[in-house]
Amino acid sequence: MERSNQLPSYQHNDYIIILNPKEELQSRILTIKESFKEKYKTEVYVTKPYITLVKFSSLQITEDKLVHELQKIGNNRDPFKIDLRDYGSYPTHSIFINIITKNAIHELIKDLKKIRYLMKTANHDPYFITEPNINIALKLLPWQYEKAWLEYSYTAFSGSFMADEMILLRKKEGDTKYKAVCRLGFMYIPEKIAQGNLFI
């Protein structure tokens, strides 16, 4: 049997950091995605809905340090509300649910950029999302997009959820799906002030 010359700790992994809607909202959106696939005969596999923050490749050996730094970011952030409203699109290939409260997400992504050195390899830089959304359908054919957008551009949607954690997903070389590595809660911990410095 042929053996890989690559040491396990120097294996390249693909990662995504996401925000997950709560279960009830996630179920609603998943139903929409499945209905879209059935109606417009799309080929892309239907995944659970989530908000992507960053996609990147990194070495297995850096994962523990990455998780530690992500937890520090989570510990310095309060949970925040995310409001969703109606649909948007990227002509001529994608349809998604709009996020109308983006400031907190952009601030979180700004924090993640501070540890970008843990999110890169020699050949791959991290891809930070600039316009966060929840995708309904990707890689549409022109006729699928035109027909579907005619419907969804006039379809209403509303929902909201409290984002209280980010999730690190990993896909190892040879895997076909991403798997959760850890959940990193937002639990703002105020900096402790030494008793003797209270009134200085």
N, C-alpha and C. Protein backbone atom coordinates (compact mmCIF):
# COMPACT_ATOMS: atom_id res chain seq x y z
N MET A 1 0.85 -1.20 0.00
CA MET A 1 0.00 0.00 0.00
C MET A 1 0.88 1.25 0.00
N GLU A 2 0.55 2.19 -0.83
CA GLU A 2 1.34 3.42 -0.94
C GLU A 2 1.12 4.29 0.28
N ARG A 3 2.20 4.78 0.85
CA ARG A 3 2.11 5.61 2.04
C ARG A 3 2.45 7.06 1.70
N SER A 4 1.74 7.99 2.37
CA SER A 4 2.02 9.41 2.16
C SER A 4 3.32 9.79 2.85
N ASN A 5 4.11 10.64 2.20
CA ASN A 5 5.35 11.13 2.80
C ASN A 5 5.11 12.30 3.74
N GLN A 6 3.86 12.77 3.79
CA GLN A 6 3.54 13.96 4.58
C GLN A 6 3.27 13.56 6.03
N LEU A 7 4.00 14.18 6.97
CA LEU A 7 3.75 13.91 8.38
C LEU A 7 2.38 14.44 8.76
N PRO A 8 1.64 13.72 9.65
CA PRO A 8 0.28 14.15 10.02
C PRO A 8 0.21 15.59 10.51
N SER A 9 1.19 16.03 11.32
CA SER A 9 1.13 17.38 11.88
C SER A 9 1.33 18.47 10.83
N TYR A 10 1.90 18.09 9.66
CA TYR A 10 2.11 19.06 8.59
C TYR A 10 1.10 18.88 7.46
N GLN A 11 0.04 18.17 7.77
CA GLN A 11 -1.05 17.99 6.81
C GLN A 11 -1.79 19.30 6.60
N HIS A 12 -2.18 19.57 5.38
CA HIS A 12 -2.98 20.76 5.07
C HIS A 12 -4.46 20.44 5.26
N ASN A 13 -5.15 21.27 6.01
CA ASN A 13 -6.59 21.15 6.19
C ASN A 13 -7.29 22.38 5.64
N ASP A 14 -8.52 22.21 5.20
CA ASP A 14 -9.38 23.34 4.84
C ASP A 14 -10.29 23.64 6.01
N TYR A 15 -10.51 24.92 6.28
CA TYR A 15 -11.33 25.34 7.42
C TYR A 15 -12.36 26.39 6.98
N ILE A 16 -13.46 26.43 7.73
CA ILE A 16 -14.44 27.51 7.61
C ILE A 16 -14.84 27.91 9.03
N ILE A 17 -14.98 29.19 9.27
CA ILE A 17 -15.54 29.67 10.54
C ILE A 17 -16.91 30.25 10.23
N ILE A 18 -17.92 29.79 10.97
CA ILE A 18 -19.31 30.15 10.65
C ILE A 18 -20.08 30.62 11.88
N LEU A 19 -21.22 31.25 11.60
CA LEU A 19 -22.26 31.52 12.59
C LEU A 19 -23.47 30.68 12.20
N ASN A 20 -24.08 30.02 13.17
CA ASN A 20 -25.21 29.13 12.91
C ASN A 20 -26.52 29.74 13.38
N PRO A 21 -27.55 29.83 12.54
CA PRO A 21 -28.88 30.21 13.03
C PRO A 21 -29.37 29.19 14.06
N LYS A 22 -30.26 29.62 14.93
CA LYS A 22 -30.83 28.70 15.91
C LYS A 22 -31.71 27.67 15.21
N GLU A 23 -32.01 26.59 15.92
CA GLU A 23 -32.59 25.40 15.30
C GLU A 23 -33.88 25.67 14.54
N GLU A 24 -34.80 26.44 15.13
CA GLU A 24 -36.09 26.68 14.46
C GLU A 24 -35.89 27.46 13.16
N LEU A 25 -35.08 28.51 13.21
CA LEU A 25 -34.81 29.31 12.01
C LEU A 25 -34.02 28.49 10.99
N GLN A 26 -33.08 27.72 11.46
CA GLN A 26 -32.30 26.87 10.57
C GLN A 26 -33.20 25.89 9.82
N SER A 27 -34.18 25.34 10.53
CA SER A 27 -35.12 24.40 9.92
C SER A 27 -35.97 25.09 8.85
N ARG A 28 -36.40 26.32 9.12
CA ARG A 28 -37.18 27.09 8.14
C ARG A 28 -36.39 27.30 6.86
N ILE A 29 -35.14 27.72 7.02
CA ILE A 29 -34.32 28.03 5.85
C ILE A 29 -33.96 26.75 5.10
N LEU A 30 -33.71 25.68 5.82
CA LEU A 30 -33.38 24.41 5.17
C LEU A 30 -34.55 23.93 4.31
N THR A 31 -35.76 24.13 4.78
CA THR A 31 -36.95 23.77 3.99
C THR A 31 -36.99 24.58 2.69
N ILE A 32 -36.65 25.87 2.77
CA ILE A 32 -36.61 26.72 1.57
C ILE A 32 -35.56 26.21 0.60
N LYS A 33 -34.40 25.85 1.10
CA LYS A 33 -33.31 25.36 0.24
C LYS A 33 -33.69 24.05 -0.45
N GLU A 34 -34.33 23.17 0.30
CA GLU A 34 -34.74 21.88 -0.28
C GLU A 34 -35.83 22.07 -1.33
N SER A 35 -36.77 22.99 -1.05
CA SER A 35 -37.83 23.29 -2.00
C SER A 35 -37.26 23.89 -3.28
N PHE A 36 -36.27 24.78 -3.13
CA PHE A 36 -35.61 25.39 -4.29
C PHE A 36 -34.96 24.32 -5.15
N LYS A 37 -34.24 23.42 -4.52
CA LYS A 37 -33.54 22.36 -5.26
C LYS A 37 -34.51 21.50 -6.04
N GLU A 38 -35.63 21.16 -5.40
CA GLU A 38 -36.63 20.31 -6.06
C GLU A 38 -37.30 21.04 -7.23
N LYS A 39 -37.63 22.32 -7.02
CA LYS A 39 -38.36 23.07 -8.03
C LYS A 39 -37.50 23.41 -9.23
N TYR A 40 -36.23 23.78 -8.98
CA TYR A 40 -35.37 24.25 -10.08
C TYR A 40 -34.30 23.24 -10.49
N LYS A 41 -34.39 22.03 -9.95
CA LYS A 41 -33.55 20.91 -10.39
C LYS A 41 -32.05 21.24 -10.31
N THR A 42 -31.64 21.80 -9.20
CA THR A 42 -30.22 22.14 -9.04
C THR A 42 -29.42 20.90 -8.66
N GLU A 43 -28.13 20.94 -8.98
CA GLU A 43 -27.26 19.79 -8.75
C GLU A 43 -26.46 19.89 -7.45
N VAL A 44 -26.33 21.09 -6.91
CA VAL A 44 -25.50 21.29 -5.72
C VAL A 44 -26.16 20.67 -4.50
N TYR A 45 -25.36 19.97 -3.70
CA TYR A 45 -25.84 19.32 -2.47
C TYR A 45 -26.38 20.36 -1.50
N VAL A 46 -27.55 20.09 -0.92
CA VAL A 46 -28.17 21.02 0.03
C VAL A 46 -27.52 20.86 1.40
N THR A 47 -26.94 21.94 1.90
CA THR A 47 -26.32 21.93 3.22
C THR A 47 -27.17 22.72 4.21
N LYS A 48 -26.93 22.52 5.49
CA LYS A 48 -27.59 23.32 6.50
C LYS A 48 -27.19 24.79 6.31
N PRO A 49 -28.11 25.71 6.57
CA PRO A 49 -27.79 27.13 6.38
C PRO A 49 -26.87 27.67 7.47
N TYR A 50 -25.95 28.51 7.07
CA TYR A 50 -25.06 29.16 8.02
C TYR A 50 -24.49 30.42 7.38
N ILE A 51 -23.84 31.25 8.21
CA ILE A 51 -23.19 32.47 7.74
C ILE A 51 -21.68 32.23 7.78
N THR A 52 -21.04 32.32 6.63
CA THR A 52 -19.59 32.14 6.56
C THR A 52 -18.89 33.44 6.94
N LEU A 53 -17.86 33.31 7.79
CA LEU A 53 -17.03 34.46 8.17
C LEU A 53 -15.71 34.46 7.41
N VAL A 54 -15.09 33.29 7.32
CA VAL A 54 -13.80 33.18 6.62
C VAL A 54 -13.59 31.74 6.19
N LYS A 55 -12.94 31.58 5.03
CA LYS A 55 -12.51 30.27 4.54
C LYS A 55 -10.99 30.31 4.40
N PHE A 56 -10.34 29.22 4.79
CA PHE A 56 -8.88 29.23 4.71
C PHE A 56 -8.31 27.82 4.78
N SER A 57 -7.03 27.71 4.44
CA SER A 57 -6.28 26.47 4.60
C SER A 57 -5.17 26.72 5.61
N SER A 58 -4.86 25.69 6.38
CA SER A 58 -3.80 25.82 7.38
C SER A 58 -3.24 24.44 7.69
N LEU A 59 -2.13 24.42 8.40
CA LEU A 59 -1.49 23.17 8.77
C LEU A 59 -2.12 22.60 10.04
N GLN A 60 -2.21 21.30 10.10
CA GLN A 60 -2.75 20.63 11.29
C GLN A 60 -1.99 21.05 12.55
N ILE A 61 -0.70 21.25 12.41
CA ILE A 61 0.15 21.56 13.57
C ILE A 61 -0.23 22.90 14.22
N THR A 62 -0.88 23.79 13.48
CA THR A 62 -1.25 25.11 14.04
C THR A 62 -2.65 25.12 14.64
N GLU A 63 -3.38 24.00 14.57
CA GLU A 63 -4.79 24.02 14.96
C GLU A 63 -5.01 24.36 16.43
N ASP A 64 -4.22 23.80 17.33
CA ASP A 64 -4.40 24.10 18.75
C ASP A 64 -4.20 25.58 19.04
N LYS A 65 -3.18 26.18 18.43
CA LYS A 65 -2.93 27.61 18.60
C LYS A 65 -4.09 28.42 18.01
N LEU A 66 -4.60 27.99 16.86
CA LEU A 66 -5.73 28.66 16.23
C LEU A 66 -6.95 28.65 17.15
N VAL A 67 -7.27 27.49 17.70
CA VAL A 67 -8.43 27.37 18.59
C VAL A 67 -8.26 28.26 19.81
N HIS A 68 -7.05 28.30 20.36
CA HIS A 68 -6.77 29.15 21.53
C HIS A 68 -7.02 30.62 21.21
N GLU A 69 -6.55 31.07 20.06
CA GLU A 69 -6.72 32.48 19.68
C GLU A 69 -8.18 32.79 19.37
N LEU A 70 -8.89 31.85 18.77
CA LEU A 70 -10.32 32.05 18.50
C LEU A 70 -11.11 32.15 19.80
N GLN A 71 -10.74 31.34 20.79
CA GLN A 71 -11.43 31.41 22.07
C GLN A 71 -11.20 32.76 22.74
N LYS A 72 -10.00 33.31 22.61
CA LYS A 72 -9.73 34.64 23.16
C LYS A 72 -10.61 35.68 22.50
N ILE A 73 -10.79 35.56 21.19
CA ILE A 73 -11.68 36.49 20.48
C ILE A 73 -13.11 36.34 20.98
N GLY A 74 -13.56 35.10 21.13
CA GLY A 74 -14.92 34.86 21.63
C GLY A 74 -15.12 35.40 23.03
N ASN A 75 -14.10 35.28 23.88
CA ASN A 75 -14.21 35.74 25.26
C ASN A 75 -14.31 37.25 25.37
N ASN A 76 -13.96 37.96 24.31
CA ASN A 76 -14.01 39.42 24.33
C ASN A 76 -15.15 39.98 23.48
N ARG A 77 -16.15 39.14 23.24
CA ARG A 77 -17.28 39.58 22.40
C ARG A 77 -18.59 39.17 23.05
N ASP A 78 -19.54 40.10 23.07
CA ASP A 78 -20.89 39.81 23.55
C ASP A 78 -21.69 39.12 22.45
N PRO A 79 -22.68 38.29 22.82
CA PRO A 79 -23.63 37.80 21.82
C PRO A 79 -24.30 38.98 21.13
N PHE A 80 -24.70 38.81 19.87
CA PHE A 80 -25.34 39.91 19.14
C PHE A 80 -26.46 39.37 18.26
N LYS A 81 -27.40 40.25 17.98
CA LYS A 81 -28.58 39.87 17.20
C LYS A 81 -28.30 40.02 15.70
N ILE A 82 -28.77 39.05 14.93
CA ILE A 82 -28.67 39.10 13.48
C ILE A 82 -30.07 39.09 12.89
N ASP A 83 -30.40 40.10 12.09
CA ASP A 83 -31.71 40.20 11.44
C ASP A 83 -31.59 39.84 9.97
N LEU A 84 -32.51 39.03 9.51
CA LEU A 84 -32.56 38.60 8.11
C LEU A 84 -33.81 39.14 7.46
N ARG A 85 -33.67 39.58 6.19
CA ARG A 85 -34.86 40.11 5.50
C ARG A 85 -34.75 39.91 3.99
N ASP A 86 -35.73 39.23 3.45
CA ASP A 86 -35.90 39.07 2.00
C ASP A 86 -34.66 38.44 1.34
N TYR A 87 -34.61 38.53 0.00
CA TYR A 87 -33.60 37.80 -0.76
C TYR A 87 -32.76 38.74 -1.61
N GLY A 88 -31.54 38.32 -1.85
CA GLY A 88 -30.64 39.03 -2.76
C GLY A 88 -30.04 38.03 -3.73
N SER A 89 -29.23 38.53 -4.66
CA SER A 89 -28.64 37.61 -5.65
C SER A 89 -27.32 38.14 -6.17
N TYR A 90 -26.53 37.22 -6.70
CA TYR A 90 -25.36 37.53 -7.49
C TYR A 90 -25.63 37.03 -8.91
N PRO A 91 -25.99 37.96 -9.79
CA PRO A 91 -26.26 37.52 -11.18
C PRO A 91 -24.99 36.89 -11.76
N THR A 92 -25.11 35.81 -12.41
CA THR A 92 -26.31 35.05 -12.72
C THR A 92 -26.22 33.65 -12.12
N HIS A 93 -25.78 33.57 -10.86
CA HIS A 93 -25.44 32.23 -10.36
C HIS A 93 -25.86 31.93 -8.93
N SER A 94 -26.24 32.93 -8.12
CA SER A 94 -26.51 32.67 -6.70
C SER A 94 -27.70 33.48 -6.19
N ILE A 95 -28.45 32.86 -5.27
CA ILE A 95 -29.55 33.53 -4.57
C ILE A 95 -29.37 33.27 -3.08
N PHE A 96 -29.60 34.31 -2.27
CA PHE A 96 -29.33 34.20 -0.84
C PHE A 96 -30.32 35.03 -0.03
N ILE A 97 -30.31 34.83 1.28
CA ILE A 97 -31.10 35.64 2.21
C ILE A 97 -30.23 36.80 2.69
N ASN A 98 -30.80 38.01 2.63
CA ASN A 98 -30.07 39.20 3.05
C ASN A 98 -29.91 39.27 4.56
N ILE A 99 -28.76 39.74 5.00
CA ILE A 99 -28.54 40.08 6.40
C ILE A 99 -28.55 41.60 6.49
N ILE A 100 -29.42 42.15 7.32
CA ILE A 100 -29.56 43.61 7.36
C ILE A 100 -28.85 44.24 8.56
N THR A 101 -28.36 43.42 9.48
CA THR A 101 -27.57 43.93 10.61
C THR A 101 -26.17 43.34 10.49
N LYS A 102 -25.29 44.04 9.80
CA LYS A 102 -23.98 43.48 9.47
C LYS A 102 -22.83 44.03 10.31
N ASN A 103 -23.07 45.12 11.04
CA ASN A 103 -21.95 45.78 11.73
C ASN A 103 -21.22 44.85 12.69
N ALA A 104 -21.98 44.11 13.50
CA ALA A 104 -21.34 43.22 14.48
C ALA A 104 -20.57 42.10 13.79
N ILE A 105 -21.09 41.63 12.66
CA ILE A 105 -20.39 40.58 11.90
C ILE A 105 -19.09 41.14 11.33
N HIS A 106 -19.15 42.35 10.78
CA HIS A 106 -17.93 42.97 10.24
C HIS A 106 -16.88 43.20 11.33
N GLU A 107 -17.34 43.57 12.53
CA GLU A 107 -16.41 43.76 13.64
C GLU A 107 -15.76 42.45 14.04
N LEU A 108 -16.55 41.37 14.03
CA LEU A 108 -16.00 40.05 14.34
C LEU A 108 -14.97 39.62 13.30
N ILE A 109 -15.29 39.86 12.03
CA ILE A 109 -14.34 39.52 10.96
C ILE A 109 -13.06 40.34 11.10
N LYS A 110 -13.20 41.60 11.52
CA LYS A 110 -12.02 42.44 11.74
C LYS A 110 -11.12 41.83 12.81
N ASP A 111 -11.73 41.28 13.87
CA ASP A 111 -10.96 40.61 14.91
C ASP A 111 -10.28 39.35 14.36
N LEU A 112 -10.99 38.61 13.53
CA LEU A 112 -10.42 37.39 12.95
C LEU A 112 -9.22 37.70 12.06
N LYS A 113 -9.24 38.85 11.40
CA LYS A 113 -8.12 39.22 10.53
C LYS A 113 -6.82 39.41 11.31
N LYS A 114 -6.95 39.67 12.61
CA LYS A 114 -5.75 39.86 13.44
C LYS A 114 -4.96 38.57 13.61
N ILE A 115 -5.61 37.43 13.36
CA ILE A 115 -4.90 36.15 13.48
C ILE A 115 -4.81 35.46 12.12
N ARG A 116 -4.77 36.26 11.07
CA ARG A 116 -4.71 35.69 9.72
C ARG A 116 -3.42 34.90 9.51
N TYR A 117 -2.38 35.19 10.29
CA TYR A 117 -1.12 34.45 10.15
C TYR A 117 -1.30 32.96 10.48
N LEU A 118 -2.38 32.62 11.20
CA LEU A 118 -2.69 31.22 11.50
C LEU A 118 -3.63 30.61 10.47
N MET A 119 -4.01 31.41 9.48
CA MET A 119 -5.02 30.99 8.51
C MET A 119 -4.46 30.98 7.09
N LYS A 120 -3.20 30.66 6.96
CA LYS A 120 -2.61 30.70 5.62
C LYS A 120 -1.55 29.62 5.49
N THR A 121 -1.30 29.27 4.25
CA THR A 121 -0.19 28.39 3.89
C THR A 121 0.62 29.11 2.82
N ALA A 122 1.66 28.47 2.35
CA ALA A 122 2.52 29.11 1.35
C ALA A 122 1.75 29.48 0.09
N ASN A 123 0.73 28.69 -0.24
CA ASN A 123 0.01 28.90 -1.50
C ASN A 123 -1.42 29.42 -1.34
N HIS A 124 -1.89 29.58 -0.10
CA HIS A 124 -3.29 29.96 0.11
C HIS A 124 -3.41 31.04 1.18
N ASP A 125 -4.01 32.16 0.81
CA ASP A 125 -4.36 33.20 1.77
C ASP A 125 -5.81 33.02 2.20
N PRO A 126 -6.17 33.46 3.41
CA PRO A 126 -7.56 33.33 3.86
C PRO A 126 -8.49 34.22 3.04
N TYR A 127 -9.73 33.76 2.90
CA TYR A 127 -10.76 34.54 2.20
C TYR A 127 -11.78 35.01 3.22
N PHE A 128 -11.71 36.28 3.58
CA PHE A 128 -12.65 36.87 4.54
C PHE A 128 -13.87 37.39 3.79
N ILE A 129 -15.03 37.06 4.29
CA ILE A 129 -16.28 37.45 3.63
C ILE A 129 -16.52 38.94 3.83
N THR A 130 -16.82 39.64 2.75
CA THR A 130 -17.08 41.08 2.82
C THR A 130 -18.58 41.40 2.85
N GLU A 131 -19.39 40.52 2.26
CA GLU A 131 -20.84 40.72 2.25
C GLU A 131 -21.52 39.45 2.79
N PRO A 132 -21.63 39.33 4.10
CA PRO A 132 -22.20 38.11 4.68
C PRO A 132 -23.67 37.91 4.29
N ASN A 133 -24.05 36.67 4.07
CA ASN A 133 -25.44 36.31 3.75
C ASN A 133 -25.63 34.84 4.07
N ILE A 134 -26.84 34.34 3.84
CA ILE A 134 -27.13 32.91 3.97
C ILE A 134 -27.56 32.41 2.61
N ASN A 135 -26.75 31.54 2.01
CA ASN A 135 -27.06 31.14 0.64
C ASN A 135 -28.25 30.18 0.58
N ILE A 136 -29.03 30.35 -0.47
CA ILE A 136 -30.15 29.45 -0.78
C ILE A 136 -29.76 28.53 -1.92
N ALA A 137 -29.08 29.07 -2.92
CA ALA A 137 -28.66 28.26 -4.06
C ALA A 137 -27.41 28.87 -4.69
N LEU A 138 -26.45 28.00 -5.03
CA LEU A 138 -25.20 28.42 -5.65
C LEU A 138 -25.01 27.71 -6.98
N LYS A 139 -24.12 28.24 -7.79
CA LYS A 139 -23.72 27.61 -9.06
C LYS A 139 -24.93 27.31 -9.95
N LEU A 140 -25.85 28.28 -10.02
CA LEU A 140 -27.03 28.10 -10.86
C LEU A 140 -26.69 28.27 -12.33
N LEU A 141 -27.40 27.54 -13.16
CA LEU A 141 -27.33 27.77 -14.59
C LEU A 141 -28.11 29.03 -14.92
N PRO A 142 -27.80 29.71 -16.02
CA PRO A 142 -28.50 30.96 -16.34
C PRO A 142 -30.02 30.84 -16.32
N TRP A 143 -30.58 29.77 -16.87
CA TRP A 143 -32.04 29.63 -16.91
C TRP A 143 -32.60 29.41 -15.51
N GLN A 144 -31.85 28.70 -14.66
CA GLN A 144 -32.30 28.48 -13.28
C GLN A 144 -32.32 29.80 -12.52
N TYR A 145 -31.25 30.57 -12.69
CA TYR A 145 -31.18 31.85 -11.99
C TYR A 145 -32.30 32.78 -12.44
N GLU A 146 -32.48 32.94 -13.74
CA GLU A 146 -33.47 33.89 -14.26
C GLU A 146 -34.88 33.53 -13.80
N LYS A 147 -35.21 32.26 -13.87
CA LYS A 147 -36.55 31.83 -13.48
C LYS A 147 -36.76 31.96 -11.97
N ALA A 148 -35.75 31.55 -11.20
CA ALA A 148 -35.87 31.59 -9.75
C ALA A 148 -35.87 33.02 -9.22
N TRP A 149 -35.02 33.88 -9.78
CA TRP A 149 -34.95 35.25 -9.29
C TRP A 149 -36.23 36.02 -9.59
N LEU A 150 -36.89 35.67 -10.67
CA LEU A 150 -38.19 36.27 -10.97
C LEU A 150 -39.16 36.01 -9.83
N GLU A 151 -39.05 34.85 -9.22
CA GLU A 151 -39.91 34.51 -8.07
C GLU A 151 -39.38 35.11 -6.77
N TYR A 152 -38.10 34.89 -6.47
CA TYR A 152 -37.58 35.24 -5.15
C TYR A 152 -37.37 36.74 -4.96
N SER A 153 -37.23 37.49 -6.04
CA SER A 153 -37.08 38.94 -5.90
C SER A 153 -38.36 39.59 -5.39
N TYR A 154 -39.49 38.86 -5.49
CA TYR A 154 -40.77 39.37 -4.99
C TYR A 154 -41.27 38.58 -3.78
N THR A 155 -40.42 37.72 -3.23
CA THR A 155 -40.82 36.89 -2.09
C THR A 155 -40.26 37.48 -0.81
N ALA A 156 -41.10 37.57 0.21
CA ALA A 156 -40.69 38.13 1.50
C ALA A 156 -40.12 37.04 2.41
N PHE A 157 -39.17 37.45 3.22
CA PHE A 157 -38.64 36.57 4.27
C PHE A 157 -38.19 37.45 5.42
N SER A 158 -38.43 37.00 6.63
CA SER A 158 -37.90 37.70 7.80
C SER A 158 -37.58 36.70 8.90
N GLY A 159 -36.57 37.00 9.65
CA GLY A 159 -36.17 36.14 10.76
C GLY A 159 -35.02 36.79 11.50
N SER A 160 -34.75 36.32 12.68
CA SER A 160 -33.63 36.85 13.46
C SER A 160 -33.17 35.78 14.46
N PHE A 161 -31.94 35.94 14.92
CA PHE A 161 -31.43 35.05 15.96
C PHE A 161 -30.28 35.73 16.68
N MET A 162 -30.01 35.25 17.89
CA MET A 162 -28.87 35.74 18.65
C MET A 162 -27.66 34.87 18.35
N ALA A 163 -26.62 35.49 17.84
CA ALA A 163 -25.36 34.78 17.60
C ALA A 163 -24.58 34.77 18.90
N ASP A 164 -24.43 33.60 19.50
CA ASP A 164 -23.73 33.50 20.78
C ASP A 164 -22.49 32.61 20.70
N GLU A 165 -22.13 32.20 19.48
CA GLU A 165 -20.93 31.40 19.30
C GLU A 165 -20.54 31.39 17.83
N MET A 166 -19.29 31.10 17.57
CA MET A 166 -18.84 30.80 16.21
C MET A 166 -18.35 29.35 16.21
N ILE A 167 -18.40 28.73 15.05
CA ILE A 167 -18.04 27.32 14.95
C ILE A 167 -16.91 27.17 13.95
N LEU A 168 -15.88 26.43 14.35
CA LEU A 168 -14.76 26.12 13.46
C LEU A 168 -15.01 24.76 12.82
N LEU A 169 -15.08 24.75 11.48
CA LEU A 169 -15.26 23.51 10.72
C LEU A 169 -13.96 23.15 10.02
N ARG A 170 -13.72 21.85 9.88
CA ARG A 170 -12.49 21.39 9.24
C ARG A 170 -12.78 20.28 8.23
N LYS A 171 -12.09 20.34 7.11
CA LYS A 171 -12.13 19.24 6.14
C LYS A 171 -10.69 18.80 5.88
N LYS A 172 -10.39 17.57 6.30
CA LYS A 172 -9.05 17.04 6.10
C LYS A 172 -8.87 16.56 4.66
N GLU A 173 -7.62 16.44 4.26
CA GLU A 173 -7.32 15.94 2.93
C GLU A 173 -7.95 14.56 2.74
N GLY A 174 -8.72 14.42 1.67
CA GLY A 174 -9.39 13.15 1.40
C GLY A 174 -10.83 13.11 1.88
N ASP A 175 -11.21 14.03 2.79
CA ASP A 175 -12.60 14.10 3.25
C ASP A 175 -13.47 14.78 2.21
N THR A 176 -14.77 14.49 2.24
CA THR A 176 -15.71 15.12 1.32
C THR A 176 -16.57 16.17 2.01
N LYS A 177 -16.65 16.12 3.34
CA LYS A 177 -17.50 17.05 4.09
C LYS A 177 -16.71 17.69 5.22
N TYR A 178 -17.17 18.87 5.61
CA TYR A 178 -16.60 19.55 6.77
C TYR A 178 -17.19 18.97 8.05
N LYS A 179 -16.36 18.91 9.09
CA LYS A 179 -16.80 18.45 10.41
C LYS A 179 -16.44 19.51 11.44
N ALA A 180 -17.28 19.62 12.47
CA ALA A 180 -17.04 20.62 13.51
C ALA A 180 -15.82 20.25 14.35
N VAL A 181 -14.94 21.22 14.53
CA VAL A 181 -13.79 21.04 15.42
C VAL A 181 -14.16 21.49 16.82
N CYS A 182 -14.78 22.68 16.92
CA CYS A 182 -15.17 23.21 18.23
C CYS A 182 -16.15 24.37 18.06
N ARG A 183 -16.88 24.62 19.14
CA ARG A 183 -17.77 25.77 19.24
C ARG A 183 -17.13 26.77 20.19
N LEU A 184 -17.08 28.02 19.78
CA LEU A 184 -16.38 29.05 20.54
C LEU A 184 -17.37 30.12 20.96
N GLY A 185 -17.77 30.07 22.22
CA GLY A 185 -18.83 30.93 22.71
C GLY A 185 -18.40 32.38 22.85
N PHE A 186 -19.38 33.29 22.67
CA PHE A 186 -19.16 34.72 22.91
C PHE A 186 -19.53 34.97 24.37
N MET A 187 -18.55 35.24 25.18
CA MET A 187 -18.79 35.42 26.61
C MET A 187 -17.86 36.50 27.13
N TYR A 188 -18.26 37.74 26.89
CA TYR A 188 -17.40 38.86 27.23
C TYR A 188 -16.96 38.79 28.68
N ILE A 189 -15.65 38.80 28.89
CA ILE A 189 -15.07 38.76 30.23
C ILE A 189 -14.33 40.07 30.46
N PRO A 190 -14.88 40.97 31.30
CA PRO A 190 -14.21 42.26 31.53
C PRO A 190 -12.81 42.05 32.11
N GLU A 191 -11.92 42.94 31.73
CA GLU A 191 -10.56 42.87 32.26
C GLU A 191 -10.58 43.14 33.76
N LYS A 192 -9.90 42.29 34.52
CA LYS A 192 -9.87 42.46 35.97
C LYS A 192 -8.94 43.62 36.33
N ILE A 193 -9.39 44.43 37.29
CA ILE A 193 -8.60 45.56 37.75
C ILE A 193 -8.04 45.23 39.12
N ALA A 194 -6.76 45.39 39.29
CA ALA A 194 -6.14 45.12 40.59
C ALA A 194 -6.75 46.03 41.64
N GLN A 195 -7.01 45.48 42.83
CA GLN A 195 -7.69 46.22 43.89
C GLN A 195 -7.00 47.54 44.20
N GLY A 196 -5.67 47.54 44.22
CA GLY A 196 -4.94 48.75 44.57
C GLY A 196 -5.01 49.84 43.52
N ASN A 197 -5.50 49.49 42.31
CA ASN A 197 -5.54 50.47 41.23
C ASN A 197 -6.93 51.06 41.00
N LEU A 198 -7.88 50.73 41.86
CA LEU A 198 -9.26 51.13 41.63
C LEU A 198 -9.43 52.63 41.55
N PHE A 199 -8.71 53.38 42.36
CA PHE A 199 -8.96 54.82 42.45
C PHE A 199 -7.78 55.65 41.94
N ILE A 200 -6.96 55.04 41.13
CA ILE A 200 -5.83 55.79 40.58
C ILE A 200 -6.28 56.57 39.35
